[in-house]
Amino acid sequence: MEHRVHERLEPLRKAYDDFLSRHPSHVQARLDYGSFLSELHDKAGAKTQWEKVLELEPQNPDAYNNLAGIYSAIGPAQKAFEYCSKAIQLNPSNAGYYHNFGDTVYVLRKSAMENYSLNEQQVYGKALGLYSNAFHLDPGTFPSPGTWRKPIT
């Protein structure tokens, strides 16, 4: 099944490659292509596209945010924390960046403890603070308690 999906998406990959061969400095196409490759579990290909974005546009917060996700999966954790922070520094009003940073801190909590010289409870507090920032910036993207599904009994 996975082979058939990749086979069906190959023309799209080729279209991205063709477009970027004609327009190698097209930042949005590289961001989108990186996302496409990431969805196909091609982390190396996605990383290459997003790093190219940073070569073309060193202050692009989306590229930092996306690369932080890659580094949170493959390491080093320090790079994930650094890139999350950089994305927020460049665009402090993007709720998604805070949410992603919260996820990164929570998932990589042992590394976060070491990186930030925190104990485990403090790391949880840091993650919750990041989630809180995300919620305050864009409360509409998070379900309110009244909309949560109740478990089936």
N, C-alpha and C. Protein backbone atom coordinates (compact mmCIF):
# COMPACT_ATOMS: atom_id res chain seq x y z
N MET A 1 0.82 -1.19 0.00
CA MET A 1 0.00 0.00 0.00
C MET A 1 0.87 1.26 0.00
N GLU A 2 1.88 1.28 0.88
CA GLU A 2 2.75 2.46 0.95
C GLU A 2 3.46 2.68 -0.38
N HIS A 3 3.86 1.60 -1.01
CA HIS A 3 4.52 1.71 -2.32
C HIS A 3 3.58 2.35 -3.34
N ARG A 4 2.31 1.97 -3.31
CA ARG A 4 1.34 2.54 -4.25
C ARG A 4 1.13 4.02 -3.99
N VAL A 5 1.11 4.42 -2.73
CA VAL A 5 0.96 5.84 -2.40
C VAL A 5 2.15 6.62 -2.93
N HIS A 6 3.35 6.13 -2.68
CA HIS A 6 4.55 6.81 -3.17
C HIS A 6 4.55 6.88 -4.70
N GLU A 7 4.11 5.81 -5.33
CA GLU A 7 4.04 5.77 -6.78
C GLU A 7 3.07 6.84 -7.32
N ARG A 8 1.94 6.98 -6.64
CA ARG A 8 0.94 7.97 -7.08
C ARG A 8 1.42 9.40 -6.84
N LEU A 9 2.27 9.59 -5.84
CA LEU A 9 2.76 10.94 -5.53
C LEU A 9 4.04 11.30 -6.27
N GLU A 10 4.62 10.36 -6.97
CA GLU A 10 5.87 10.62 -7.69
C GLU A 10 5.73 11.76 -8.71
N PRO A 11 4.63 11.87 -9.45
CA PRO A 11 4.50 13.02 -10.37
C PRO A 11 4.53 14.37 -9.64
N LEU A 12 4.00 14.42 -8.44
CA LEU A 12 4.03 15.66 -7.67
C LEU A 12 5.47 15.98 -7.25
N ARG A 13 6.20 14.97 -6.82
CA ARG A 13 7.61 15.16 -6.46
C ARG A 13 8.38 15.68 -7.68
N LYS A 14 8.12 15.09 -8.83
CA LYS A 14 8.80 15.51 -10.05
C LYS A 14 8.43 16.95 -10.40
N ALA A 15 7.17 17.31 -10.21
CA ALA A 15 6.73 18.69 -10.50
C ALA A 15 7.46 19.68 -9.59
N TYR A 16 7.59 19.36 -8.31
CA TYR A 16 8.36 20.22 -7.40
C TYR A 16 9.82 20.34 -7.89
N ASP A 17 10.42 19.20 -8.21
CA ASP A 17 11.82 19.22 -8.66
C ASP A 17 11.97 20.06 -9.93
N ASP A 18 11.05 19.89 -10.88
CA ASP A 18 11.11 20.66 -12.12
C ASP A 18 10.94 22.15 -11.84
N PHE A 19 9.97 22.50 -11.01
CA PHE A 19 9.74 23.91 -10.69
C PHE A 19 10.97 24.51 -10.03
N LEU A 20 11.53 23.80 -9.06
CA LEU A 20 12.69 24.34 -8.34
C LEU A 20 13.95 24.37 -9.19
N SER A 21 14.02 23.53 -10.20
CA SER A 21 15.18 23.63 -11.11
C SER A 21 15.09 24.90 -11.94
N ARG A 22 13.87 25.35 -12.22
CA ARG A 22 13.67 26.60 -12.96
C ARG A 22 13.67 27.83 -12.04
N HIS A 23 13.26 27.64 -10.78
CA HIS A 23 13.15 28.74 -9.81
C HIS A 23 13.83 28.34 -8.50
N PRO A 24 15.15 28.20 -8.50
CA PRO A 24 15.84 27.69 -7.32
C PRO A 24 15.76 28.59 -6.08
N SER A 25 15.38 29.84 -6.27
CA SER A 25 15.31 30.77 -5.13
C SER A 25 13.90 30.99 -4.63
N HIS A 26 12.97 30.15 -5.03
CA HIS A 26 11.57 30.31 -4.63
C HIS A 26 11.37 29.72 -3.23
N VAL A 27 11.34 30.61 -2.25
CA VAL A 27 11.31 30.21 -0.84
C VAL A 27 10.04 29.43 -0.51
N GLN A 28 8.87 29.93 -0.90
CA GLN A 28 7.62 29.26 -0.54
C GLN A 28 7.54 27.86 -1.15
N ALA A 29 8.02 27.70 -2.38
CA ALA A 29 8.01 26.37 -3.00
C ALA A 29 8.89 25.41 -2.22
N ARG A 30 10.03 25.91 -1.74
CA ARG A 30 10.93 25.05 -0.95
C ARG A 30 10.31 24.69 0.41
N LEU A 31 9.63 25.66 1.03
CA LEU A 31 8.93 25.36 2.29
C LEU A 31 7.87 24.29 2.05
N ASP A 32 7.09 24.47 1.00
CA ASP A 32 6.01 23.52 0.70
C ASP A 32 6.55 22.14 0.32
N TYR A 33 7.61 22.14 -0.48
CA TYR A 33 8.21 20.87 -0.88
C TYR A 33 8.76 20.14 0.34
N GLY A 34 9.38 20.87 1.24
CA GLY A 34 9.87 20.26 2.47
C GLY A 34 8.74 19.63 3.26
N SER A 35 7.61 20.32 3.34
CA SER A 35 6.45 19.76 4.05
C SER A 35 5.93 18.51 3.35
N PHE A 36 5.87 18.56 2.03
CA PHE A 36 5.46 17.40 1.24
C PHE A 36 6.38 16.21 1.53
N LEU A 37 7.69 16.45 1.49
CA LEU A 37 8.64 15.37 1.74
C LEU A 37 8.53 14.85 3.18
N SER A 38 8.30 15.76 4.10
CA SER A 38 8.14 15.35 5.49
C SER A 38 6.94 14.42 5.65
N GLU A 39 5.85 14.75 4.97
CA GLU A 39 4.66 13.89 5.03
C GLU A 39 4.94 12.51 4.45
N LEU A 40 5.89 12.44 3.53
CA LEU A 40 6.28 11.15 2.94
C LEU A 40 7.35 10.45 3.77
N HIS A 41 7.64 11.01 4.95
CA HIS A 41 8.65 10.47 5.87
C HIS A 41 10.06 10.55 5.31
N ASP A 42 10.27 11.51 4.41
CA ASP A 42 11.61 11.75 3.86
C ASP A 42 12.21 12.93 4.64
N LYS A 43 12.66 12.63 5.87
CA LYS A 43 13.20 13.68 6.73
C LYS A 43 14.44 14.32 6.13
N ALA A 44 15.29 13.52 5.51
CA ALA A 44 16.51 14.07 4.91
C ALA A 44 16.17 15.04 3.78
N GLY A 45 15.23 14.67 2.95
CA GLY A 45 14.82 15.55 1.86
C GLY A 45 14.18 16.83 2.37
N ALA A 46 13.33 16.71 3.38
CA ALA A 46 12.67 17.89 3.97
C ALA A 46 13.72 18.80 4.60
N LYS A 47 14.64 18.21 5.32
CA LYS A 47 15.69 18.98 5.98
C LYS A 47 16.50 19.76 4.93
N THR A 48 16.82 19.13 3.83
CA THR A 48 17.58 19.79 2.77
C THR A 48 16.82 21.01 2.24
N GLN A 49 15.51 20.85 2.00
CA GLN A 49 14.73 21.97 1.47
C GLN A 49 14.67 23.12 2.47
N TRP A 50 14.43 22.82 3.74
CA TRP A 50 14.30 23.87 4.74
C TRP A 50 15.64 24.55 5.04
N GLU A 51 16.73 23.79 4.96
CA GLU A 51 18.04 24.42 5.11
C GLU A 51 18.32 25.36 3.95
N LYS A 52 17.89 24.98 2.76
CA LYS A 52 18.05 25.85 1.60
C LYS A 52 17.25 27.14 1.79
N VAL A 53 16.07 27.04 2.40
CA VAL A 53 15.28 28.24 2.69
C VAL A 53 16.09 29.18 3.57
N LEU A 54 16.76 28.64 4.58
CA LEU A 54 17.55 29.49 5.48
C LEU A 54 18.75 30.11 4.76
N GLU A 55 19.29 29.43 3.77
CA GLU A 55 20.36 30.03 2.96
C GLU A 55 19.80 31.22 2.17
N LEU A 56 18.59 31.06 1.65
CA LEU A 56 17.98 32.11 0.83
C LEU A 56 17.39 33.23 1.68
N GLU A 57 16.85 32.86 2.82
CA GLU A 57 16.14 33.81 3.68
C GLU A 57 16.45 33.46 5.14
N PRO A 58 17.58 33.92 5.65
CA PRO A 58 18.04 33.52 6.99
C PRO A 58 17.12 33.90 8.14
N GLN A 59 16.16 34.74 7.92
CA GLN A 59 15.25 35.15 8.99
C GLN A 59 13.86 34.55 8.81
N ASN A 60 13.76 33.40 8.18
CA ASN A 60 12.47 32.77 7.92
C ASN A 60 12.06 31.90 9.11
N PRO A 61 11.07 32.35 9.89
CA PRO A 61 10.70 31.59 11.09
C PRO A 61 10.09 30.22 10.79
N ASP A 62 9.39 30.09 9.65
CA ASP A 62 8.79 28.79 9.32
C ASP A 62 9.87 27.73 9.10
N ALA A 63 10.96 28.12 8.46
CA ALA A 63 12.04 27.16 8.24
C ALA A 63 12.65 26.72 9.57
N TYR A 64 12.86 27.67 10.49
CA TYR A 64 13.39 27.32 11.81
C TYR A 64 12.42 26.39 12.55
N ASN A 65 11.14 26.71 12.50
CA ASN A 65 10.13 25.89 13.17
C ASN A 65 10.12 24.46 12.59
N ASN A 66 10.14 24.37 11.27
CA ASN A 66 10.10 23.06 10.63
C ASN A 66 11.36 22.25 10.92
N LEU A 67 12.50 22.93 10.87
CA LEU A 67 13.75 22.22 11.18
C LEU A 67 13.80 21.80 12.65
N ALA A 68 13.21 22.59 13.52
CA ALA A 68 13.14 22.19 14.93
C ALA A 68 12.42 20.86 15.07
N GLY A 69 11.37 20.68 14.29
CA GLY A 69 10.64 19.41 14.30
C GLY A 69 11.51 18.25 13.84
N ILE A 70 12.31 18.49 12.82
CA ILE A 70 13.23 17.45 12.33
C ILE A 70 14.25 17.11 13.42
N TYR A 71 14.85 18.16 14.01
CA TYR A 71 15.87 17.91 15.04
C TYR A 71 15.27 17.29 16.29
N SER A 72 14.00 17.57 16.58
CA SER A 72 13.39 16.91 17.74
C SER A 72 13.23 15.42 17.49
N ALA A 73 13.13 15.04 16.22
CA ALA A 73 12.99 13.62 15.88
C ALA A 73 14.33 12.91 15.73
N ILE A 74 15.32 13.58 15.13
CA ILE A 74 16.58 12.90 14.82
C ILE A 74 17.76 13.38 15.66
N GLY A 75 17.58 14.50 16.37
CA GLY A 75 18.66 15.05 17.18
C GLY A 75 19.54 15.97 16.35
N PRO A 76 20.40 16.67 16.99
CA PRO A 76 20.54 16.76 18.43
C PRO A 76 19.44 17.63 19.06
N ALA A 77 19.06 17.28 20.27
CA ALA A 77 17.98 17.98 20.96
C ALA A 77 18.30 19.47 21.13
N GLN A 78 19.56 19.78 21.40
CA GLN A 78 19.97 21.17 21.58
C GLN A 78 19.59 22.01 20.36
N LYS A 79 19.75 21.43 19.17
CA LYS A 79 19.42 22.14 17.93
C LYS A 79 17.90 22.34 17.85
N ALA A 80 17.13 21.37 18.30
CA ALA A 80 15.67 21.52 18.30
C ALA A 80 15.26 22.69 19.19
N PHE A 81 15.83 22.75 20.39
CA PHE A 81 15.51 23.86 21.31
C PHE A 81 15.94 25.20 20.72
N GLU A 82 17.13 25.22 20.15
CA GLU A 82 17.66 26.46 19.55
C GLU A 82 16.75 26.95 18.42
N TYR A 83 16.33 26.04 17.56
CA TYR A 83 15.52 26.43 16.41
C TYR A 83 14.10 26.82 16.82
N CYS A 84 13.56 26.15 17.83
CA CYS A 84 12.24 26.57 18.36
C CYS A 84 12.33 28.00 18.87
N SER A 85 13.35 28.27 19.64
CA SER A 85 13.54 29.62 20.20
C SER A 85 13.71 30.65 19.10
N LYS A 86 14.46 30.31 18.06
CA LYS A 86 14.71 31.24 16.96
C LYS A 86 13.41 31.55 16.21
N ALA A 87 12.59 30.55 15.98
CA ALA A 87 11.30 30.78 15.30
C ALA A 87 10.45 31.76 16.10
N ILE A 88 10.39 31.56 17.41
CA ILE A 88 9.61 32.45 18.27
C ILE A 88 10.21 33.85 18.30
N GLN A 89 11.53 33.92 18.34
CA GLN A 89 12.19 35.23 18.33
C GLN A 89 11.83 36.00 17.06
N LEU A 90 11.78 35.31 15.93
CA LEU A 90 11.49 35.95 14.65
C LEU A 90 10.02 36.28 14.46
N ASN A 91 9.14 35.48 15.07
CA ASN A 91 7.70 35.73 14.95
C ASN A 91 7.02 35.36 16.27
N PRO A 92 7.09 36.25 17.26
CA PRO A 92 6.56 35.94 18.59
C PRO A 92 5.04 35.89 18.66
N SER A 93 4.35 36.19 17.59
CA SER A 93 2.88 36.15 17.62
C SER A 93 2.31 34.87 17.02
N ASN A 94 3.16 33.92 16.65
CA ASN A 94 2.68 32.67 16.05
C ASN A 94 2.45 31.63 17.15
N ALA A 95 1.20 31.35 17.43
CA ALA A 95 0.85 30.39 18.48
C ALA A 95 1.41 29.00 18.22
N GLY A 96 1.45 28.61 16.97
CA GLY A 96 1.94 27.28 16.62
C GLY A 96 3.38 27.06 17.02
N TYR A 97 4.20 28.10 16.96
CA TYR A 97 5.60 27.95 17.35
C TYR A 97 5.72 27.64 18.84
N TYR A 98 4.90 28.32 19.65
CA TYR A 98 4.92 28.05 21.10
C TYR A 98 4.43 26.63 21.38
N HIS A 99 3.38 26.24 20.69
CA HIS A 99 2.83 24.90 20.89
C HIS A 99 3.87 23.84 20.51
N ASN A 100 4.53 24.03 19.37
CA ASN A 100 5.56 23.07 18.95
C ASN A 100 6.73 23.04 19.93
N PHE A 101 7.11 24.21 20.44
CA PHE A 101 8.19 24.27 21.42
C PHE A 101 7.77 23.53 22.70
N GLY A 102 6.52 23.71 23.11
CA GLY A 102 6.00 22.99 24.27
C GLY A 102 6.08 21.48 24.07
N ASP A 103 5.67 21.03 22.87
CA ASP A 103 5.75 19.60 22.56
C ASP A 103 7.20 19.11 22.62
N THR A 104 8.10 19.91 22.06
CA THR A 104 9.52 19.53 22.02
C THR A 104 10.09 19.43 23.44
N VAL A 105 9.80 20.40 24.26
CA VAL A 105 10.28 20.38 25.64
C VAL A 105 9.71 19.17 26.38
N TYR A 106 8.42 18.90 26.19
CA TYR A 106 7.80 17.77 26.88
C TYR A 106 8.37 16.44 26.40
N VAL A 107 8.43 16.25 25.11
CA VAL A 107 8.90 14.97 24.56
C VAL A 107 10.38 14.75 24.86
N LEU A 108 11.16 15.80 24.78
CA LEU A 108 12.60 15.70 25.03
C LEU A 108 12.95 16.21 26.43
N ARG A 109 12.09 15.88 27.40
CA ARG A 109 12.24 16.47 28.74
C ARG A 109 13.56 16.15 29.41
N LYS A 110 14.10 14.98 29.19
CA LYS A 110 15.41 14.66 29.80
C LYS A 110 16.48 15.58 29.22
N SER A 111 16.46 15.78 27.93
CA SER A 111 17.41 16.71 27.30
C SER A 111 17.13 18.14 27.73
N ALA A 112 15.85 18.48 27.89
CA ALA A 112 15.49 19.83 28.33
C ALA A 112 16.00 20.08 29.75
N MET A 113 15.91 19.06 30.60
CA MET A 113 16.42 19.21 31.97
C MET A 113 17.90 19.58 31.93
N GLU A 114 18.64 18.89 31.09
CA GLU A 114 20.08 19.14 30.98
C GLU A 114 20.34 20.49 30.31
N ASN A 115 19.64 20.75 29.22
CA ASN A 115 19.89 21.97 28.44
C ASN A 115 19.58 23.25 29.23
N TYR A 116 18.49 23.22 29.99
CA TYR A 116 18.04 24.41 30.70
C TYR A 116 18.37 24.37 32.20
N SER A 117 19.08 23.34 32.63
CA SER A 117 19.43 23.16 34.05
C SER A 117 18.18 23.22 34.93
N LEU A 118 17.20 22.39 34.58
CA LEU A 118 15.94 22.34 35.31
C LEU A 118 15.72 20.93 35.84
N ASN A 119 14.89 20.83 36.88
CA ASN A 119 14.47 19.50 37.30
C ASN A 119 13.23 19.12 36.49
N GLU A 120 12.75 17.91 36.69
CA GLU A 120 11.64 17.43 35.85
C GLU A 120 10.38 18.26 36.03
N GLN A 121 10.05 18.64 37.26
CA GLN A 121 8.86 19.46 37.48
C GLN A 121 9.00 20.83 36.80
N GLN A 122 10.18 21.40 36.82
CA GLN A 122 10.40 22.68 36.16
C GLN A 122 10.27 22.57 34.64
N VAL A 123 10.68 21.44 34.11
CA VAL A 123 10.53 21.22 32.66
C VAL A 123 9.05 21.14 32.32
N TYR A 124 8.27 20.45 33.14
CA TYR A 124 6.82 20.41 32.90
C TYR A 124 6.24 21.82 32.96
N GLY A 125 6.72 22.62 33.91
CA GLY A 125 6.27 24.01 34.02
C GLY A 125 6.63 24.81 32.78
N LYS A 126 7.82 24.57 32.25
CA LYS A 126 8.24 25.28 31.03
C LYS A 126 7.34 24.90 29.87
N ALA A 127 7.06 23.61 29.73
CA ALA A 127 6.18 23.16 28.64
C ALA A 127 4.79 23.76 28.80
N LEU A 128 4.26 23.74 30.01
CA LEU A 128 2.94 24.32 30.25
C LEU A 128 2.92 25.82 29.97
N GLY A 129 4.01 26.51 30.31
CA GLY A 129 4.10 27.93 30.00
C GLY A 129 4.06 28.20 28.51
N LEU A 130 4.74 27.35 27.74
CA LEU A 130 4.73 27.50 26.29
C LEU A 130 3.33 27.22 25.73
N TYR A 131 2.66 26.18 26.25
CA TYR A 131 1.28 25.91 25.83
C TYR A 131 0.36 27.07 26.19
N SER A 132 0.57 27.65 27.37
CA SER A 132 -0.24 28.78 27.80
C SER A 132 -0.06 29.96 26.85
N ASN A 133 1.19 30.23 26.46
CA ASN A 133 1.44 31.31 25.50
C ASN A 133 0.71 31.04 24.19
N ALA A 134 0.75 29.81 23.73
CA ALA A 134 0.07 29.45 22.49
C ALA A 134 -1.43 29.69 22.62
N PHE A 135 -1.99 29.27 23.73
CA PHE A 135 -3.42 29.43 23.94
C PHE A 135 -3.81 30.91 23.98
N HIS A 136 -3.02 31.73 24.68
CA HIS A 136 -3.34 33.15 24.79
C HIS A 136 -3.23 33.86 23.44
N LEU A 137 -2.33 33.41 22.60
CA LEU A 137 -2.17 34.02 21.28
C LEU A 137 -3.29 33.62 20.33
N ASP A 138 -3.77 32.39 20.47
CA ASP A 138 -4.80 31.90 19.54
C ASP A 138 -5.69 30.88 20.22
N PRO A 139 -6.59 31.34 21.09
CA PRO A 139 -7.44 30.40 21.84
C PRO A 139 -8.37 29.59 20.95
N GLY A 140 -8.65 30.06 19.76
CA GLY A 140 -9.55 29.34 18.86
C GLY A 140 -9.00 28.05 18.33
N THR A 141 -7.69 27.84 18.44
CA THR A 141 -7.10 26.62 17.91
C THR A 141 -7.07 25.48 18.93
N PHE A 142 -7.50 25.78 20.15
CA PHE A 142 -7.50 24.76 21.19
C PHE A 142 -8.93 24.54 21.65
N PRO A 143 -9.34 23.30 21.83
CA PRO A 143 -10.72 23.05 22.26
C PRO A 143 -10.96 23.53 23.68
N SER A 144 -12.13 24.08 23.89
CA SER A 144 -12.48 24.46 25.26
C SER A 144 -12.98 23.23 25.99
N PRO A 145 -12.92 23.23 27.32
CA PRO A 145 -13.33 22.04 28.07
C PRO A 145 -14.73 21.57 27.72
N GLY A 146 -15.62 22.48 27.39
CA GLY A 146 -16.99 22.09 27.06
C GLY A 146 -17.11 21.35 25.74
N THR A 147 -16.07 21.39 24.90
CA THR A 147 -16.15 20.72 23.60
C THR A 147 -15.40 19.40 23.58
N TRP A 148 -14.78 19.02 24.68
CA TRP A 148 -14.07 17.75 24.71
C TRP A 148 -15.05 16.61 24.63
N ARG A 149 -14.61 15.57 23.98
CA ARG A 149 -15.47 14.38 23.91
C ARG A 149 -15.42 13.64 25.23
N LYS A 150 -16.57 13.17 25.62
CA LYS A 150 -16.63 12.36 26.83
C LYS A 150 -16.37 10.91 26.44
N PRO A 151 -15.69 10.18 27.33
CA PRO A 151 -15.41 8.78 26.99
C PRO A 151 -16.71 7.97 26.91
N ILE A 152 -16.69 7.01 26.04
CA ILE A 152 -17.83 6.11 25.90
C ILE A 152 -17.78 5.11 27.04
N THR A 153 -18.88 4.97 27.75
CA THR A 153 -18.90 4.03 28.87
C THR A 153 -19.77 2.84 28.58
